[in-house]
Amino acid sequence: MAHRTLVAYRTGDTCTLHYAHWGENLGEAITPTTPFGGPAASDDRPDLSAVAERFGFDVVTRDDGRTRVETEPLTTDVTPDAVLSAIDASIETLIVVDAECATRTYLVCPLGVDGEGRLVLVGPTDEERRLRRWIQSVKSRLGERVDEGALPAETAQRVLRHALETRAAVHERDDASFLFAD
């Protein structure tokens, strides 16, 4: 399964937004010598149309995708608010890269146990894989309780949010103040 990721390279008060189709553990692969995460592990070309359409980007002219992060930006001079607006349920991770190539990785998490519901960003985290598995496990258990009729869906969302807050910071998509916090 792909881990669709938006990568926001900070340039002062704005950033340049890129896409990576195979984003799992990508944050640790972005360094000053590999700013686009190094070579891609797969020759598969991702379908960027849904993400690119939001920015009016012509995906036909994209590069050949030989790095983990697409080298052609989706858009440039993007505000932190616009970065968060670009995130929808198809995006699983947001990585913010500063001028020294230090990264902060945030997991995108729908609060609904069925994969729907309000999106929040969880992190930053250095334990992306473990946190992602933990979230899936909690959502699965809560989903079973909802399916059994033992727990209302709204209560499950509140429980999930509280559980997330015990593991990492939880950020709403309508407040971008955390993105460029130094």
C-alpha atoms as a PDB file:
ATOM      1  CA  MET A   1       0.000   0.000   0.000  1.00  0.00           C
ATOM      2  CA  ALA A   2       1.250   3.477  -0.835  1.00  0.00           C
ATOM      3  CA  HIS A   3       1.648   6.149   1.785  1.00  0.00           C
ATOM      4  CA  ARG A   4       0.607   9.318  -0.013  1.00  0.00           C
ATOM      5  CA  THR A   5       2.529  12.241   1.408  1.00  0.00           C
ATOM      6  CA  LEU A   6       2.629  15.983   0.955  1.00  0.00           C
ATOM      7  CA  VAL A   7       6.091  17.405   1.537  1.00  0.00           C
ATOM      8  CA  ALA A   8       6.257  21.104   2.403  1.00  0.00           C
ATOM      9  CA  TYR A   9       9.725  22.601   1.903  1.00  0.00           C
ATOM     10  CA  ARG A  10       9.878  25.762   3.953  1.00  0.00           C
ATOM     11  CA  THR A  11      11.093  28.910   2.198  1.00  0.00           C
ATOM     12  CA  GLY A  12      10.751  31.740   4.707  1.00  0.00           C
ATOM     13  CA  ASP A  13       7.095  32.345   5.564  1.00  0.00           C
ATOM     14  CA  THR A  14       5.825  30.146   2.739  1.00  0.00           C
ATOM     15  CA  CYS A  15       6.755  26.787   1.329  1.00  0.00           C
ATOM     16  CA  THR A  16       6.988  24.782  -1.851  1.00  0.00           C
ATOM     17  CA  LEU A  17       4.636  21.813  -1.857  1.00  0.00           C
ATOM     18  CA  HIS A  18       5.679  18.462  -3.344  1.00  0.00           C
ATOM     19  CA  TYR A  19       4.067  15.031  -3.530  1.00  0.00           C
ATOM     20  CA  ALA A  20       5.462  11.600  -2.672  1.00  0.00           C
ATOM     21  CA  HIS A  21       3.512   8.441  -3.412  1.00  0.00           C
ATOM     22  CA  TRP A  22       5.666   6.114  -1.306  1.00  0.00           C
ATOM     23  CA  GLY A  23       6.033   8.301   1.773  1.00  0.00           C
ATOM     24  CA  GLU A  24       6.387   5.772   4.584  1.00  0.00           C
ATOM     25  CA  ASN A  25       9.445   6.699   6.688  1.00  0.00           C
ATOM     26  CA  LEU A  26      10.277   9.370   4.130  1.00  0.00           C
ATOM     27  CA  GLY A  27      11.161  12.002   6.740  1.00  0.00           C
ATOM     28  CA  GLU A  28      14.317  10.166   7.754  1.00  0.00           C
ATOM     29  CA  ALA A  29      15.372   9.811   4.087  1.00  0.00           C
ATOM     30  CA  ILE A  30      15.261  13.579   3.447  1.00  0.00           C
ATOM     31  CA  THR A  31      18.716  14.985   4.164  1.00  0.00           C
ATOM     32  CA  PRO A  32      20.901  17.803   2.817  1.00  0.00           C
ATOM     33  CA  THR A  33      22.428  15.300   0.355  1.00  0.00           C
ATOM     34  CA  THR A  34      19.067  13.693  -0.537  1.00  0.00           C
ATOM     35  CA  PRO A  35      16.550  16.559  -0.307  1.00  0.00           C
ATOM     36  CA  PHE A  36      14.001  14.537  -2.307  1.00  0.00           C
ATOM     37  CA  GLY A  37      14.464  11.377  -0.248  1.00  0.00           C
ATOM     38  CA  GLY A  38      16.887   9.567  -2.516  1.00  0.00           C
ATOM     39  CA  PRO A  39      16.018   7.197  -5.352  1.00  0.00           C
ATOM     40  CA  ALA A  40      12.521   5.789  -5.641  1.00  0.00           C
ATOM     41  CA  ALA A  41      12.170   2.137  -4.679  1.00  0.00           C
ATOM     42  CA  SER A  42       9.577   1.509  -7.373  1.00  0.00           C
ATOM     43  CA  ASP A  43       9.254   2.325 -11.056  1.00  0.00           C
ATOM     44  CA  ASP A  44       5.483   2.680 -10.655  1.00  0.00           C
ATOM     45  CA  ARG A  45       4.230   6.094 -11.690  1.00  0.00           C
ATOM     46  CA  PRO A  46       1.760   7.421  -9.144  1.00  0.00           C
ATOM     47  CA  ASP A  47      -1.519   8.940 -10.271  1.00  0.00           C
ATOM     48  CA  LEU A  48      -1.172  12.540  -9.132  1.00  0.00           C
ATOM     49  CA  SER A  49      -4.305  13.853 -10.804  1.00  0.00           C
ATOM     50  CA  ALA A  50      -6.455  14.216  -7.663  1.00  0.00           C
ATOM     51  CA  VAL A  51      -3.815  16.153  -5.732  1.00  0.00           C
ATOM     52  CA  ALA A  52      -2.566  18.171  -8.697  1.00  0.00           C
ATOM     53  CA  GLU A  53      -6.076  19.139  -9.806  1.00  0.00           C
ATOM     54  CA  ARG A  54      -6.549  21.200  -6.637  1.00  0.00           C
ATOM     55  CA  PHE A  55      -3.629  23.382  -7.733  1.00  0.00           C
ATOM     56  CA  GLY A  56      -4.374  23.461 -11.458  1.00  0.00           C
ATOM     57  CA  PHE A  57      -1.138  21.568 -12.157  1.00  0.00           C
ATOM     58  CA  ASP A  58      -0.626  19.744 -15.468  1.00  0.00           C
ATOM     59  CA  VAL A  59       0.498  16.226 -14.503  1.00  0.00           C
ATOM     60  CA  VAL A  60       1.362  15.336 -18.112  1.00  0.00           C
ATOM     61  CA  THR A  61       4.563  17.397 -17.869  1.00  0.00           C
ATOM     62  CA  ARG A  62       5.752  15.793 -14.604  1.00  0.00           C
ATOM     63  CA  ASP A  63       9.299  14.490 -14.266  1.00  0.00           C
ATOM     64  CA  ASP A  64      10.041  10.774 -14.427  1.00  0.00           C
ATOM     65  CA  GLY A  65       9.640  10.189 -10.673  1.00  0.00           C
ATOM     66  CA  ARG A  66      13.064   8.729 -10.019  1.00  0.00           C
ATOM     67  CA  THR A  67      13.226  10.176  -6.501  1.00  0.00           C
ATOM     68  CA  ARG A  68      10.939   9.348  -3.587  1.00  0.00           C
ATOM     69  CA  VAL A  69       9.594  12.912  -3.619  1.00  0.00           C
ATOM     70  CA  GLU A  70       8.435  14.282  -6.960  1.00  0.00           C
ATOM     71  CA  THR A  71      10.999  16.954  -7.878  1.00  0.00           C
ATOM     72  CA  GLU A  72       8.440  19.103  -9.716  1.00  0.00           C
ATOM     73  CA  PRO A  73       6.483  21.019  -7.085  1.00  0.00           C
ATOM     74  CA  LEU A  74       2.709  20.899  -6.990  1.00  0.00           C
ATOM     75  CA  THR A  75       2.818  24.605  -6.220  1.00  0.00           C
ATOM     76  CA  THR A  76       5.129  27.265  -4.799  1.00  0.00           C
ATOM     77  CA  ASP A  77       4.770  30.166  -2.346  1.00  0.00           C
ATOM     78  CA  VAL A  78       2.149  28.285  -0.346  1.00  0.00           C
ATOM     79  CA  THR A  79       1.004  29.635   3.008  1.00  0.00           C
ATOM     80  CA  PRO A  80       0.726  27.284   5.986  1.00  0.00           C
ATOM     81  CA  ASP A  81      -3.086  27.570   5.788  1.00  0.00           C
ATOM     82  CA  ALA A  82      -3.009  26.513   2.121  1.00  0.00           C
ATOM     83  CA  VAL A  83      -0.811  23.519   2.993  1.00  0.00           C
ATOM     84  CA  LEU A  84      -3.444  22.293   5.439  1.00  0.00           C
ATOM     85  CA  SER A  85      -6.226  23.008   2.933  1.00  0.00           C
ATOM     86  CA  ALA A  86      -4.485  20.699   0.441  1.00  0.00           C
ATOM     87  CA  ILE A  87      -4.817  17.767   2.832  1.00  0.00           C
ATOM     88  CA  ASP A  88      -7.780  15.491   2.327  1.00  0.00           C
ATOM     89  CA  ALA A  89      -8.513  11.885   3.252  1.00  0.00           C
ATOM     90  CA  SER A  90      -6.310  10.613   0.389  1.00  0.00           C
ATOM     91  CA  ILE A  91      -3.197  12.075   2.040  1.00  0.00           C
ATOM     92  CA  GLU A  92      -1.730   9.981   4.850  1.00  0.00           C
ATOM     93  CA  THR A  93       1.289  12.017   5.901  1.00  0.00           C
ATOM     94  CA  LEU A  94       2.549  15.594   5.893  1.00  0.00           C
ATOM     95  CA  ILE A  95       6.271  16.255   6.157  1.00  0.00           C
ATOM     96  CA  VAL A  96       7.559  19.769   6.824  1.00  0.00           C
ATOM     97  CA  VAL A  97      11.185  20.319   5.778  1.00  0.00           C
ATOM     98  CA  ASP A  98      13.157  23.322   7.051  1.00  0.00           C
ATOM     99  CA  ALA A  99      16.086  25.090   5.345  1.00  0.00           C
ATOM    100  CA  GLU A 100      18.606  22.646   6.885  1.00  0.00           C
ATOM    101  CA  CYS A 101      16.547  19.629   5.705  1.00  0.00           C
ATOM    102  CA  ALA A 102      15.395  18.791   9.232  1.00  0.00           C
ATOM    103  CA  THR A 103      11.957  17.205   8.974  1.00  0.00           C
ATOM    104  CA  ARG A 104       8.816  17.016  11.085  1.00  0.00           C
ATOM    105  CA  THR A 105       6.400  14.209  10.198  1.00  0.00           C
ATOM    106  CA  TYR A 106       2.667  14.444  10.899  1.00  0.00           C
ATOM    107  CA  LEU A 107       0.195  11.615  10.340  1.00  0.00           C
ATOM    108  CA  VAL A 108      -3.179  12.549   8.852  1.00  0.00           C
ATOM    109  CA  CYS A 109      -5.918  10.854  10.846  1.00  0.00           C
ATOM    110  CA  PRO A 110      -9.660  10.844  10.177  1.00  0.00           C
ATOM    111  CA  LEU A 111     -11.351  10.785  13.582  1.00  0.00           C
ATOM    112  CA  GLY A 112     -14.140   8.510  12.388  1.00  0.00           C
ATOM    113  CA  VAL A 113     -13.445   4.845  13.103  1.00  0.00           C
ATOM    114  CA  ASP A 114     -14.692   4.031   9.591  1.00  0.00           C
ATOM    115  CA  GLY A 115     -11.999   6.180   7.925  1.00  0.00           C
ATOM    116  CA  GLU A 116     -14.374   9.110   7.577  1.00  0.00           C
ATOM    117  CA  GLY A 117     -14.827  12.108   9.829  1.00  0.00           C
ATOM    118  CA  ARG A 118     -12.923  15.268  10.607  1.00  0.00           C
ATOM    119  CA  LEU A 119      -9.220  15.108   9.750  1.00  0.00           C
ATOM    120  CA  VAL A 120      -6.564  15.956  12.310  1.00  0.00           C
ATOM    121  CA  LEU A 121      -2.784  15.876  12.114  1.00  0.00           C
ATOM    122  CA  VAL A 122      -0.923  13.878  14.743  1.00  0.00           C
ATOM    123  CA  GLY A 123       2.672  14.678  15.596  1.00  0.00           C
ATOM    124  CA  PRO A 124       5.355  15.527  14.909  1.00  0.00           C
ATOM    125  CA  THR A 125       6.540  11.983  15.398  1.00  0.00           C
ATOM    126  CA  ASP A 126       9.806  10.130  14.947  1.00  0.00           C
ATOM    127  CA  GLU A 127       7.969   6.813  15.298  1.00  0.00           C
ATOM    128  CA  GLU A 128       5.726   7.007  12.251  1.00  0.00           C
ATOM    129  CA  ARG A 129       5.358   3.272  11.655  1.00  0.00           C
ATOM    130  CA  ARG A 130       4.609   2.398  15.280  1.00  0.00           C
ATOM    131  CA  LEU A 131       2.164   5.298  15.711  1.00  0.00           C
ATOM    132  CA  ARG A 132       0.390   4.411  12.453  1.00  0.00           C
ATOM    133  CA  ARG A 133      -0.032   0.766  13.587  1.00  0.00           C
ATOM    134  CA  TRP A 134      -1.246   1.905  17.013  1.00  0.00           C
ATOM    135  CA  ILE A 135      -3.850   4.230  15.435  1.00  0.00           C
ATOM    136  CA  GLN A 136      -5.083   1.410  13.183  1.00  0.00           C
ATOM    137  CA  SER A 137      -5.376  -0.920  16.169  1.00  0.00           C
ATOM    138  CA  VAL A 138      -7.303   1.593  18.302  1.00  0.00           C
ATOM    139  CA  LYS A 139      -9.621   2.455  15.399  1.00  0.00           C
ATOM    140  CA  SER A 140     -10.250  -1.237  14.739  1.00  0.00           C
ATOM    141  CA  ARG A 141     -11.173  -1.939  18.367  1.00  0.00           C
ATOM    142  CA  LEU A 142     -13.393   1.147  18.563  1.00  0.00           C
ATOM    143  CA  GLY A 143     -14.991   0.229  15.229  1.00  0.00           C
ATOM    144  CA  GLU A 144     -15.872  -3.223  16.553  1.00  0.00           C
ATOM    145  CA  ARG A 145     -17.570  -1.648  19.573  1.00  0.00           C
ATOM    146  CA  VAL A 146     -19.510   0.732  17.310  1.00  0.00           C
ATOM    147  CA  ASP A 147     -20.545  -2.145  15.013  1.00  0.00           C
ATOM    148  CA  GLU A 148     -21.739  -4.146  18.039  1.00  0.00           C
ATOM    149  CA  GLY A 149     -23.892  -1.204  19.110  1.00  0.00           C
ATOM    150  CA  ALA A 150     -21.979  -0.947  22.384  1.00  0.00           C
ATOM    151  CA  LEU A 151     -20.536   2.495  21.618  1.00  0.00           C
ATOM    152  CA  PRO A 152     -22.021   5.435  19.693  1.00  0.00           C
ATOM    153  CA  ALA A 153     -19.867   6.660  16.772  1.00  0.00           C
ATOM    154  CA  GLU A 154     -19.611  10.160  18.293  1.00  0.00           C
ATOM    155  CA  THR A 155     -18.279   8.709  21.548  1.00  0.00           C
ATOM    156  CA  ALA A 156     -15.783   6.596  19.607  1.00  0.00           C
ATOM    157  CA  GLN A 157     -14.490   9.765  17.917  1.00  0.00           C
ATOM    158  CA  ARG A 158     -14.010  11.472  21.292  1.00  0.00           C
ATOM    159  CA  VAL A 159     -12.281   8.389  22.698  1.00  0.00           C
ATOM    160  CA  LEU A 160     -10.006   8.209  19.646  1.00  0.00           C
ATOM    161  CA  ARG A 161      -9.074  11.878  19.937  1.00  0.00           C
ATOM    162  CA  HIS A 162      -8.295  11.487  23.641  1.00  0.00           C
ATOM    163  CA  ALA A 163      -6.231   8.359  22.932  1.00  0.00           C
ATOM    164  CA  LEU A 164      -4.295  10.206  20.216  1.00  0.00           C
ATOM    165  CA  GLU A 165      -3.554  13.056  22.622  1.00  0.00           C
ATOM    166  CA  THR A 166      -1.891  10.577  25.001  1.00  0.00           C
ATOM    167  CA  ARG A 167       0.591   9.618  22.252  1.00  0.00           C
ATOM    168  CA  ALA A 168       1.349  12.867  20.410  1.00  0.00           C
ATOM    169  CA  ALA A 169       0.144  16.398  19.785  1.00  0.00           C
ATOM    170  CA  VAL A 170      -3.121  16.587  17.830  1.00  0.00           C
ATOM    171  CA  HIS A 171      -3.585  19.528  15.451  1.00  0.00           C
ATOM    172  CA  GLU A 172      -6.756  20.713  13.744  1.00  0.00           C
ATOM    173  CA  ARG A 173      -6.641  21.504  10.011  1.00  0.00           C
ATOM    174  CA  ASP A 174      -8.065  24.983  10.589  1.00  0.00           C
ATOM    175  CA  ASP A 175      -5.087  26.150  12.705  1.00  0.00           C
ATOM    176  CA  ALA A 176      -1.776  26.185  10.846  1.00  0.00           C
ATOM    177  CA  SER A 177       0.173  27.867  13.649  1.00  0.00           C
ATOM    178  CA  PHE A 178       2.007  24.625  14.468  1.00  0.00           C
ATOM    179  CA  LEU A 179       3.432  24.138  10.962  1.00  0.00           C
ATOM    180  CA  PHE A 180       6.105  26.795  11.092  1.00  0.00           C
ATOM    181  CA  ALA A 181       6.609  26.868  14.859  1.00  0.00           C
ATOM    182  CA  ASP A 182      10.329  26.970  15.503  1.00  0.00           C
END
